[in-house]
PDB file of N, CA and C in Angstrom:
ATOM      1  N   UNK A   1     -66.934  80.738  65.767  1.00  0.00           N
ATOM      2  CA  UNK A   1     -65.651  80.887  65.117  1.00  0.00           C
ATOM      3  C   UNK A   1     -64.840  80.437  64.051  1.00  0.00           C
ATOM      4  N   UNK A   2     -66.107  80.676  62.932  1.00  0.00           N
ATOM      5  CA  UNK A   2     -64.840  80.616  61.542  1.00  0.00           C
ATOM      6  C   UNK A   2     -64.851  81.713  61.701  1.00  0.00           C
ATOM      7  N   UNK A   3     -66.740  82.454  61.664  1.00  0.00           N
ATOM      8  CA  UNK A   3     -66.227  83.663  61.096  1.00  0.00           C
ATOM      9  C   UNK A   3     -64.369  84.796  61.630  1.00  0.00           C
ATOM     10  N   UNK A   4     -64.932  84.760  63.084  1.00  0.00           N
ATOM     11  CA  UNK A   4     -63.780  84.575  64.282  1.00  0.00           C
ATOM     12  C   UNK A   4     -61.973  84.816  63.129  1.00  0.00           C
ATOM     13  N   UNK A   5     -62.332  83.468  62.986  1.00  0.00           N
ATOM     14  CA  UNK A   5     -60.886  82.397  62.230  1.00  0.00           C
ATOM     15  C   UNK A   5     -60.334  83.743  61.017  1.00  0.00           C
ATOM     16  N   UNK A   6     -61.934  84.177  60.944  1.00  0.00           N
ATOM     17  CA  UNK A   6     -61.408  84.257  59.054  1.00  0.00           C
ATOM     18  C   UNK A   6     -60.798  85.821  59.319  1.00  0.00           C
ATOM     19  N   UNK A   7     -61.984  86.557  60.403  1.00  0.00           N
ATOM     20  CA  UNK A   7     -61.276  88.159  61.018  1.00  0.00           C
ATOM     21  C   UNK A   7     -59.632  87.623  61.324  1.00  0.00           C
ATOM     22  N   UNK A   8     -59.748  87.079  62.025  1.00  0.00           N
ATOM     23  CA  UNK A   8     -58.306  86.740  63.073  1.00  0.00           C
ATOM     24  C   UNK A   8     -56.567  86.044  61.241  1.00  0.00           C
ATOM     25  N   UNK A   9     -57.607  85.347  60.811  1.00  0.00           N
ATOM     26  CA  UNK A   9     -56.534  85.795  59.570  1.00  0.00           C
ATOM     27  C   UNK A   9     -55.895  86.690  58.796  1.00  0.00           C
ATOM     28  N   UNK A  10     -57.022  87.435  58.221  1.00  0.00           N
ATOM     29  CA  UNK A  10     -56.609  88.959  57.851  1.00  0.00           C
ATOM     30  C   UNK A  10     -56.441  89.403  58.564  1.00  0.00           C
ATOM     31  N   UNK A  11     -56.381  89.559  59.711  1.00  0.00           N
ATOM     32  CA  UNK A  11     -56.044  90.548  60.753  1.00  0.00           C
ATOM     33  C   UNK A  11     -53.775  90.062  60.279  1.00  0.00           C
ATOM     34  N   UNK A  12     -54.466  88.996  61.223  1.00  0.00           N
ATOM     35  CA  UNK A  12     -52.480  88.110  60.920  1.00  0.00           C
ATOM     36  C   UNK A  12     -51.924  88.782  60.063  1.00  0.00           C
ATOM     37  N   UNK A  13     -52.869  88.620  58.953  1.00  0.00           N
ATOM     38  CA  UNK A  13     -51.598  88.945  57.484  1.00  0.00           C
ATOM     39  C   UNK A  13     -51.092  90.091  57.306  1.00  0.00           C
ATOM     40  N   UNK A  14     -52.183  90.877  57.899  1.00  0.00           N
ATOM     41  CA  UNK A  14     -51.994  92.774  58.263  1.00  0.00           C
ATOM     42  C   UNK A  14     -50.697  92.575  58.844  1.00  0.00           C
ATOM     43  N   UNK A  15     -50.514  92.438  60.039  1.00  0.00           N
ATOM     44  CA  UNK A  15     -49.374  92.528  60.579  1.00  0.00           C
ATOM     45  C   UNK A  15     -47.989  91.921  60.582  1.00  0.00           C
ATOM     46  N   UNK A  16     -48.027  90.247  59.459  1.00  0.00           N
ATOM     47  CA  UNK A  16     -47.166  89.980  59.409  1.00  0.00           C
ATOM     48  C   UNK A  16     -46.480  91.422  58.353  1.00  0.00           C
ATOM     49  N   UNK A  17     -47.003  90.971  57.562  1.00  0.00           N
ATOM     50  CA  UNK A  17     -47.124  92.069  56.664  1.00  0.00           C
ATOM     51  C   UNK A  17     -46.260  93.913  56.747  1.00  0.00           C
ATOM     52  N   UNK A  18     -47.164  93.988  57.805  1.00  0.00           N
ATOM     53  CA  UNK A  18     -46.570  95.701  58.462  1.00  0.00           C
ATOM     54  C   UNK A  18     -44.827  95.553  59.102  1.00  0.00           C
ATOM     55  N   UNK A  19     -45.241  93.590  59.464  1.00  0.00           N
ATOM     56  CA  UNK A  19     -43.952  93.910  59.636  1.00  0.00           C
ATOM     57  C   UNK A  19     -42.245  94.630  58.801  1.00  0.00           C
ATOM     58  N   UNK A  20     -42.494  93.599  57.637  1.00  0.00           N
ATOM     59  CA  UNK A  20     -41.329  93.600  56.313  1.00  0.00           C
ATOM     60  C   UNK A  20     -41.684  94.350  55.237  1.00  0.00           C
ATOM     61  N   UNK A  21     -42.759  95.783  55.839  1.00  0.00           N
ATOM     62  CA  UNK A  21     -42.601  97.151  55.596  1.00  0.00           C
ATOM     63  C   UNK A  21     -43.094  96.804  54.395  1.00  0.00           C
ATOM     64  N   UNK A  22     -44.571  96.023  53.998  1.00  0.00           N
ATOM     65  CA  UNK A  22     -44.954  95.418  53.383  1.00  0.00           C
ATOM     66  C   UNK A  22     -46.494  95.962  52.771  1.00  0.00           C
ATOM     67  N   UNK A  23     -46.924  96.700  51.391  1.00  0.00           N
ATOM     68  CA  UNK A  23     -48.211  97.108  51.309  1.00  0.00           C
ATOM     69  C   UNK A  23     -49.122  95.689  50.434  1.00  0.00           C
ATOM     70  N   UNK A  24     -50.457  95.470  51.516  1.00  0.00           N
ATOM     71  CA  UNK A  24     -51.687  95.320  51.658  1.00  0.00           C
ATOM     72  C   UNK A  24     -52.954  95.110  50.994  1.00  0.00           C
ATOM     73  N   UNK A  25     -53.293  94.727  49.806  1.00  0.00           N
ATOM     74  CA  UNK A  25     -54.192  94.484  49.319  1.00  0.00           C
ATOM     75  C   UNK A  25     -54.731  93.182  49.799  1.00  0.00           C
ATOM     76  N   UNK A  26     -56.158  92.799  50.569  1.00  0.00           N
ATOM     77  CA  UNK A  26     -56.454  91.279  50.552  1.00  0.00           C
ATOM     78  C   UNK A  26     -58.382  91.380  50.958  1.00  0.00           C
ATOM     79  N   UNK A  27     -58.942  90.092  49.910  1.00  0.00           N
ATOM     80  CA  UNK A  27     -59.052  90.145  49.734  1.00  0.00           C
ATOM     81  C   UNK A  27     -60.241  88.293  50.413  1.00  0.00           C
ATOM     82  N   UNK A  28     -61.705  88.149  50.630  1.00  0.00           N
ATOM     83  CA  UNK A  28     -62.200  86.606  50.921  1.00  0.00           C
ATOM     84  C   UNK A  28     -62.228  86.730  49.151  1.00  0.00           C
ATOM     85  N   UNK A  29     -62.687  86.279  48.778  1.00  0.00           N
ATOM     86  CA  UNK A  29     -62.999  85.146  47.266  1.00  0.00           C
ATOM     87  C   UNK A  29     -64.005  84.275  47.126  1.00  0.00           C
ATOM     88  N   UNK A  30     -65.100  83.790  46.603  1.00  0.00           N
ATOM     89  CA  UNK A  30     -66.062  83.492  46.611  1.00  0.00           C
ATOM     90  C   UNK A  30     -66.485  82.690  48.315  1.00  0.00           C
ATOM     91  N   UNK A  31     -67.521  81.844  47.951  1.00  0.00           N
ATOM     92  CA  UNK A  31     -67.925  81.378  49.082  1.00  0.00           C
ATOM     93  C   UNK A  31     -67.332  80.383  49.903  1.00  0.00           C
ATOM     94  N   UNK A  32     -66.736  79.805  51.386  1.00  0.00           N
ATOM     95  CA  UNK A  32     -67.138  79.621  52.602  1.00  0.00           C
ATOM     96  C   UNK A  32     -66.828  77.913  52.061  1.00  0.00           C
ATOM     97  N   UNK A  33     -66.610  76.827  51.950  1.00  0.00           N
ATOM     98  CA  UNK A  33     -66.591  75.808  52.838  1.00  0.00           C
ATOM     99  C   UNK A  33     -66.685  75.666  54.097  1.00  0.00           C
ATOM    100  N   UNK A  34     -68.222  74.923  54.454  1.00  0.00           N
ATOM    101  CA  UNK A  34     -68.168  74.355  55.340  1.00  0.00           C
ATOM    102  C   UNK A  34     -68.016  73.387  55.827  1.00  0.00           C
ATOM    103  N   UNK A  35     -66.831  73.092  56.902  1.00  0.00           N
ATOM    104  CA  UNK A  35     -65.947  71.624  57.413  1.00  0.00           C
ATOM    105  C   UNK A  35     -67.303  70.705  57.634  1.00  0.00           C
ATOM    106  N   UNK A  36     -67.360  69.361  57.393  1.00  0.00           N
ATOM    107  CA  UNK A  36     -67.871  68.010  57.694  1.00  0.00           C
ATOM    108  C   UNK A  36     -67.490  67.438  58.504  1.00  0.00           C
ATOM    109  N   UNK A  37     -66.849  66.589  58.848  1.00  0.00           N
ATOM    110  CA  UNK A  37     -66.841  65.335  59.461  1.00  0.00           C
ATOM    111  C   UNK A  37     -65.493  65.755  59.627  1.00  0.00           C
ATOM    112  N   UNK A  38     -64.068  64.915  58.664  1.00  0.00           N
ATOM    113  CA  UNK A  38     -63.001  65.276  59.048  1.00  0.00           C
ATOM    114  C   UNK A  38     -62.931  66.239  58.002  1.00  0.00           C
ATOM    115  N   UNK A  39     -63.242  66.244  57.399  1.00  0.00           N
ATOM    116  CA  UNK A  39     -63.294  67.712  56.253  1.00  0.00           C
ATOM    117  C   UNK A  39     -62.518  68.897  56.819  1.00  0.00           C
ATOM    118  N   UNK A  40     -61.723  69.723  55.941  1.00  0.00           N
ATOM    119  CA  UNK A  40     -61.387  71.208  57.597  1.00  0.00           C
ATOM    120  C   UNK A  40     -61.995  71.949  55.739  1.00  0.00           C
ATOM    121  N   UNK A  41     -63.044  72.787  56.713  1.00  0.00           N
ATOM    122  CA  UNK A  41     -63.635  73.959  56.019  1.00  0.00           C
ATOM    123  C   UNK A  41     -62.737  74.776  55.180  1.00  0.00           C
ATOM    124  N   UNK A  42     -63.096  75.775  54.184  1.00  0.00           N
ATOM    125  CA  UNK A  42     -61.664  76.431  53.362  1.00  0.00           C
ATOM    126  C   UNK A  42     -62.831  77.921  52.799  1.00  0.00           C
ATOM    127  N   UNK A  43     -61.789  78.556  52.882  1.00  0.00           N
ATOM    128  CA  UNK A  43     -62.333  79.593  52.288  1.00  0.00           C
ATOM    129  C   UNK A  43     -61.488  80.861  51.467  1.00  0.00           C
ATOM    130  N   UNK A  44     -61.697  80.528  49.792  1.00  0.00           N
ATOM    131  CA  UNK A  44     -60.241  81.778  49.127  1.00  0.00           C
ATOM    132  C   UNK A  44     -60.145  82.702  50.214  1.00  0.00           C
ATOM    133  N   UNK A  45     -58.849  82.827  49.121  1.00  0.00           N
ATOM    134  CA  UNK A  45     -58.462  84.624  49.150  1.00  0.00           C
ATOM    135  C   UNK A  45     -57.798  85.427  47.971  1.00  0.00           C
ATOM    136  N   UNK A  46     -57.672  86.351  47.770  1.00  0.00           N
ATOM    137  CA  UNK A  46     -56.835  87.046  47.299  1.00  0.00           C
ATOM    138  C   UNK A  46     -56.173  88.228  48.088  1.00  0.00           C
ATOM    139  N   UNK A  47     -54.950  88.328  47.424  1.00  0.00           N
ATOM    140  CA  UNK A  47     -54.153  90.140  48.111  1.00  0.00           C
ATOM    141  C   UNK A  47     -53.658  90.341  47.184  1.00  0.00           C
ATOM    142  N   UNK A  48     -52.505  91.450  46.983  1.00  0.00           N
ATOM    143  CA  UNK A  48     -51.397  91.653  46.527  1.00  0.00           C
ATOM    144  C   UNK A  48     -51.312  92.724  47.267  1.00  0.00           C
ATOM    145  N   UNK A  49     -49.323  92.148  47.243  1.00  0.00           N
ATOM    146  CA  UNK A  49     -48.279  92.519  48.086  1.00  0.00           C
ATOM    147  C   UNK A  49     -47.064  93.384  47.406  1.00  0.00           C
ATOM    148  N   UNK A  50     -47.125  94.579  47.682  1.00  0.00           N
ATOM    149  CA  UNK A  50     -45.897  95.962  47.560  1.00  0.00           C
ATOM    150  C   UNK A  50     -44.546  95.766  48.581  1.00  0.00           C
ATOM    151  N   UNK A  51     -43.819  95.296  47.813  1.00  0.00           N
ATOM    152  CA  UNK A  51     -42.373  96.068  48.550  1.00  0.00           C
ATOM    153  C   UNK A  51     -40.822  94.768  47.679  1.00  0.00           C
ATOM    154  N   UNK A  52     -40.160  95.557  48.157  1.00  0.00           N
ATOM    155  CA  UNK A  52     -38.886  94.820  48.023  1.00  0.00           C
ATOM    156  C   UNK A  52     -39.054  93.281  47.470  1.00  0.00           C
ATOM    157  N   UNK A  53     -37.659  92.881  47.157  1.00  0.00           N
ATOM    158  CA  UNK A  53     -37.769  91.517  47.284  1.00  0.00           C
ATOM    159  C   UNK A  53     -37.541  90.448  47.959  1.00  0.00           C
ATOM    160  N   UNK A  54     -36.247  91.022  49.023  1.00  0.00           N
ATOM    161  CA  UNK A  54     -36.298  90.060  50.467  1.00  0.00           C
ATOM    162  C   UNK A  54     -37.048  90.280  51.413  1.00  0.00           C
ATOM    163  N   UNK A  55     -37.797  91.539  51.636  1.00  0.00           N
ATOM    164  CA  UNK A  55     -38.875  91.873  51.842  1.00  0.00           C
ATOM    165  C   UNK A  55     -40.765  90.446  52.061  1.00  0.00           C
ATOM    166  N   UNK A  56     -40.757  90.493  50.183  1.00  0.00           N
ATOM    167  CA  UNK A  56     -41.603  89.471  49.944  1.00  0.00           C
ATOM    168  C   UNK A  56     -41.328  88.019  50.721  1.00  0.00           C
ATOM    169  N   UNK A  57     -39.846  87.280  50.004  1.00  0.00           N
ATOM    170  CA  UNK A  57     -39.292  86.690  50.781  1.00  0.00           C
ATOM    171  C   UNK A  57     -39.300  86.537  50.994  1.00  0.00           C
ATOM    172  N   UNK A  58     -39.250  87.020  52.282  1.00  0.00           N
ATOM    173  CA  UNK A  58     -39.399  87.376  54.441  1.00  0.00           C
ATOM    174  C   UNK A  58     -40.511  86.907  54.576  1.00  0.00           C
ATOM    175  N   UNK A  59     -41.784  87.996  54.074  1.00  0.00           N
ATOM    176  CA  UNK A  59     -42.608  87.010  54.763  1.00  0.00           C
ATOM    177  C   UNK A  59     -43.776  86.069  54.258  1.00  0.00           C
ATOM    178  N   UNK A  60     -42.815  85.650  53.320  1.00  0.00           N
ATOM    179  CA  UNK A  60     -43.413  83.962  52.401  1.00  0.00           C
ATOM    180  C   UNK A  60     -43.028  82.999  53.382  1.00  0.00           C
ATOM    181  N   UNK A  61     -41.650  83.621  53.859  1.00  0.00           N
ATOM    182  CA  UNK A  61     -40.609  81.998  54.883  1.00  0.00           C
ATOM    183  C   UNK A  61     -41.500  82.329  55.881  1.00  0.00           C
ATOM    184  N   UNK A  62     -42.036  83.225  56.421  1.00  0.00           N
ATOM    185  CA  UNK A  62     -42.427  83.196  57.997  1.00  0.00           C
ATOM    186  C   UNK A  62     -44.022  83.289  57.526  1.00  0.00           C
ATOM    187  N   UNK A  63     -44.570  83.220  57.385  1.00  0.00           N
ATOM    188  CA  UNK A  63     -45.911  82.784  57.237  1.00  0.00           C
ATOM    189  C   UNK A  63     -46.429  81.123  56.812  1.00  0.00           C
ATOM    190  N   UNK A  64     -44.857  80.785  56.352  1.00  0.00           N
ATOM    191  CA  UNK A  64     -44.682  78.954  55.712  1.00  0.00           C
ATOM    192  C   UNK A  64     -44.510  78.530  57.397  1.00  0.00           C
ATOM    193  N   UNK A  65     -43.147  79.272  58.362  1.00  0.00           N
ATOM    194  CA  UNK A  65     -42.934  79.084  58.659  1.00  0.00           C
ATOM    195  C   UNK A  65     -43.467  78.875  60.992  1.00  0.00           C
ATOM    196  N   UNK A  66     -44.505  80.194  60.437  1.00  0.00           N
ATOM    197  CA  UNK A  66     -45.201  80.638  61.757  1.00  0.00           C
ATOM    198  C   UNK A  66     -46.122  80.677  61.595  1.00  0.00           C
ATOM    199  N   UNK A  67     -47.440  80.148  60.741  1.00  0.00           N
ATOM    200  CA  UNK A  67     -48.880  80.058  60.347  1.00  0.00           C
ATOM    201  C   UNK A  67     -49.387  78.644  61.078  1.00  0.00           C
ATOM    202  N   UNK A  68     -48.933  78.778  62.853  1.00  0.00           N
ATOM    203  CA  UNK A  68     -49.722  77.855  63.715  1.00  0.00           C
ATOM    204  C   UNK A  68     -50.966  77.354  63.935  1.00  0.00           C
ATOM    205  N   UNK A  69     -51.868  79.093  63.703  1.00  0.00           N
ATOM    206  CA  UNK A  69     -53.418  78.963  63.631  1.00  0.00           C
ATOM    207  C   UNK A  69     -53.640  78.535  62.711  1.00  0.00           C
ATOM    208  N   UNK A  70     -52.996  78.793  61.564  1.00  0.00           N
ATOM    209  CA  UNK A  70     -53.970  78.617  59.708  1.00  0.00           C
ATOM    210  C   UNK A  70     -53.046  77.997  59.343  1.00  0.00           C
ATOM    211  N   UNK A  71     -53.584  76.845  58.483  1.00  0.00           N
ATOM    212  CA  UNK A  71     -52.973  75.735  57.474  1.00  0.00           C
ATOM    213  C   UNK A  71     -53.686  76.445  55.733  1.00  0.00           C
ATOM    214  N   UNK A  72     -52.474  77.415  55.044  1.00  0.00           N
ATOM    215  CA  UNK A  72     -53.039  78.438  53.802  1.00  0.00           C
ATOM    216  C   UNK A  72     -52.461  76.990  52.903  1.00  0.00           C
ATOM    217  N   UNK A  73     -53.425  77.760  51.637  1.00  0.00           N
ATOM    218  CA  UNK A  73     -52.260  77.207  50.319  1.00  0.00           C
ATOM    219  C   UNK A  73     -52.489  77.581  49.410  1.00  0.00           C
ATOM    220  N   UNK A  74     -51.012  78.248  48.594  1.00  0.00           N
ATOM    221  CA  UNK A  74     -51.283  79.593  47.923  1.00  0.00           C
ATOM    222  C   UNK A  74     -51.820  78.323  46.477  1.00  0.00           C
ATOM    223  N   UNK A  75     -52.555  78.487  45.828  1.00  0.00           N
ATOM    224  CA  UNK A  75     -52.876  78.009  44.325  1.00  0.00           C
ATOM    225  C   UNK A  75     -52.334  78.945  43.014  1.00  0.00           C
ATOM    226  N   UNK A  76     -51.531  80.168  43.501  1.00  0.00           N
ATOM    227  CA  UNK A  76     -50.658  80.389  42.284  1.00  0.00           C
ATOM    228  C   UNK A  76     -50.626  81.820  42.588  1.00  0.00           C
ATOM    229  N   UNK A  77     -50.048  82.805  41.985  1.00  0.00           N
ATOM    230  CA  UNK A  77     -48.887  83.698  42.295  1.00  0.00           C
ATOM    231  C   UNK A  77     -48.317  84.539  40.938  1.00  0.00           C
ATOM    232  N   UNK A  78     -47.979  85.505  41.028  1.00  0.00           N
ATOM    233  CA  UNK A  78     -47.027  86.361  40.488  1.00  0.00           C
ATOM    234  C   UNK A  78     -46.468  87.117  40.313  1.00  0.00           C
ATOM    235  N   UNK A  79     -45.184  87.896  40.317  1.00  0.00           N
ATOM    236  CA  UNK A  79     -44.209  88.807  41.434  1.00  0.00           C
ATOM    237  C   UNK A  79     -43.812  88.943  39.302  1.00  0.00           C
ATOM    238  N   UNK A  80     -44.366  90.709  39.586  1.00  0.00           N
ATOM    239  CA  UNK A  80     -44.007  91.728  38.779  1.00  0.00           C
ATOM    240  C   UNK A  80     -43.192  92.596  39.504  1.00  0.00           C
ATOM    241  N   UNK A  81     -42.325  93.880  38.295  1.00  0.00           N
ATOM    242  CA  UNK A  81     -41.646  94.982  38.758  1.00  0.00           C
ATOM    243  C   UNK A  81     -42.871  96.200  39.060  1.00  0.00           C
ATOM    244  N   UNK A  82     -42.136  96.758  39.772  1.00  0.00           N
ATOM    245  CA  UNK A  82     -43.653  97.734  39.730  1.00  0.00           C
ATOM    246  C   UNK A  82     -42.998  99.661  39.426  1.00  0.00           C
ATOM    247  N   UNK A  83     -43.691 100.465  40.076  1.00  0.00           N
ATOM    248  CA  UNK A  83     -42.733 101.672  40.515  1.00  0.00           C
ATOM    249  C   UNK A  83     -42.780 101.903  41.831  1.00  0.00           C
ATOM    250  N   UNK A  84     -43.197 101.173  42.774  1.00  0.00           N
ATOM    251  CA  UNK A  84     -43.101 101.320  44.036  1.00  0.00           C
ATOM    252  C   UNK A  84     -42.816 100.028  44.708  1.00  0.00           C
ATOM    253  N   UNK A  85     -41.838  99.197  43.690  1.00  0.00           N
ATOM    254  CA  UNK A  85     -41.286  97.729  44.366  1.00  0.00           C
ATOM    255  C   UNK A  85     -41.295  96.939  43.250  1.00  0.00           C
ATOM    256  N   UNK A  86     -41.850  95.663  44.374  1.00  0.00           N
ATOM    257  CA  UNK A  86     -42.045  93.992  43.427  1.00  0.00           C
ATOM    258  C   UNK A  86     -43.445  94.412  43.660  1.00  0.00           C
ATOM    259  N   UNK A  87     -45.243  94.066  43.180  1.00  0.00           N
ATOM    260  CA  UNK A  87     -45.493  93.090  43.249  1.00  0.00           C
ATOM    261  C   UNK A  87     -46.348  91.997  43.100  1.00  0.00           C
ATOM    262  N   UNK A  88     -46.623  91.939  43.812  1.00  0.00           N
ATOM    263  CA  UNK A  88     -46.609  89.930  43.539  1.00  0.00           C
ATOM    264  C   UNK A  88     -49.153  90.018  44.332  1.00  0.00           C
ATOM    265  N   UNK A  89     -48.766  89.609  43.113  1.00  0.00           N
ATOM    266  CA  UNK A  89     -50.290  89.540  43.267  1.00  0.00           C
ATOM    267  C   UNK A  89     -50.468  87.522  44.218  1.00  0.00           C
ATOM    268  N   UNK A  90     -51.710  86.989  44.634  1.00  0.00           N
ATOM    269  CA  UNK A  90     -51.067  85.289  44.823  1.00  0.00           C
ATOM    270  C   UNK A  90     -52.558  85.038  44.980  1.00  0.00           C
ATOM    271  N   UNK A  91     -53.564  84.341  45.113  1.00  0.00           N
ATOM    272  CA  UNK A  91     -54.477  83.135  45.371  1.00  0.00           C
ATOM    273  C   UNK A  91     -54.133  81.927  46.149  1.00  0.00           C
ATOM    274  N   UNK A  92     -55.715  82.291  46.927  1.00  0.00           N
ATOM    275  CA  UNK A  92     -54.677  80.576  47.869  1.00  0.00           C
ATOM    276  C   UNK A  92     -56.012  80.468  48.197  1.00  0.00           C
ATOM    277  N   UNK A  93     -56.169  79.033  49.568  1.00  0.00           N
ATOM    278  CA  UNK A  93     -57.417  79.421  50.499  1.00  0.00           C
ATOM    279  C   UNK A  93     -56.905  79.385  51.255  1.00  0.00           C
ATOM    280  N   UNK A  94     -57.828  79.403  52.838  1.00  0.00           N
ATOM    281  CA  UNK A  94     -56.814  79.092  54.147  1.00  0.00           C
ATOM    282  C   UNK A  94     -58.056  77.858  55.070  1.00  0.00           C
ATOM    283  N   UNK A  95     -57.929  77.519  55.675  1.00  0.00           N
ATOM    284  CA  UNK A  95     -58.364  76.006  55.999  1.00  0.00           C
ATOM    285  C   UNK A  95     -58.655  76.000  57.333  1.00  0.00           C
ATOM    286  N   UNK A  96     -60.046  76.232  57.807  1.00  0.00           N
ATOM    287  CA  UNK A  96     -60.037  75.635  58.929  1.00  0.00           C
ATOM    288  C   UNK A  96     -61.615  74.661  59.511  1.00  0.00           C
ATOM    289  N   UNK A  97     -61.375  74.371  60.827  1.00  0.00           N
ATOM    290  CA  UNK A  97     -62.281  73.771  61.095  1.00  0.00           C
ATOM    291  C   UNK A  97     -63.499  74.409  62.739  1.00  0.00           C
TER     292      UNK A  97
END
């Protein structure tokens, strides 16, 4: 179940980014914490997104509003202008049962 959730999360993120014409680089980081009792498990991730500001904002709104299957927390992010558009580097966690 957890392994499938992790695969589903990364595939979902890639699909959403493609819709907004955003280049993605995504990986899970560190070791996950397994669920115990009433607590959720969690897995850390890092991502790098490249696209226009409006596309990046659209993607983040979509992640916030349409993430029915996943509970996501962003711990940090940084945005800068690059040669191919804006680059957003972010780290966070996805929670699971």
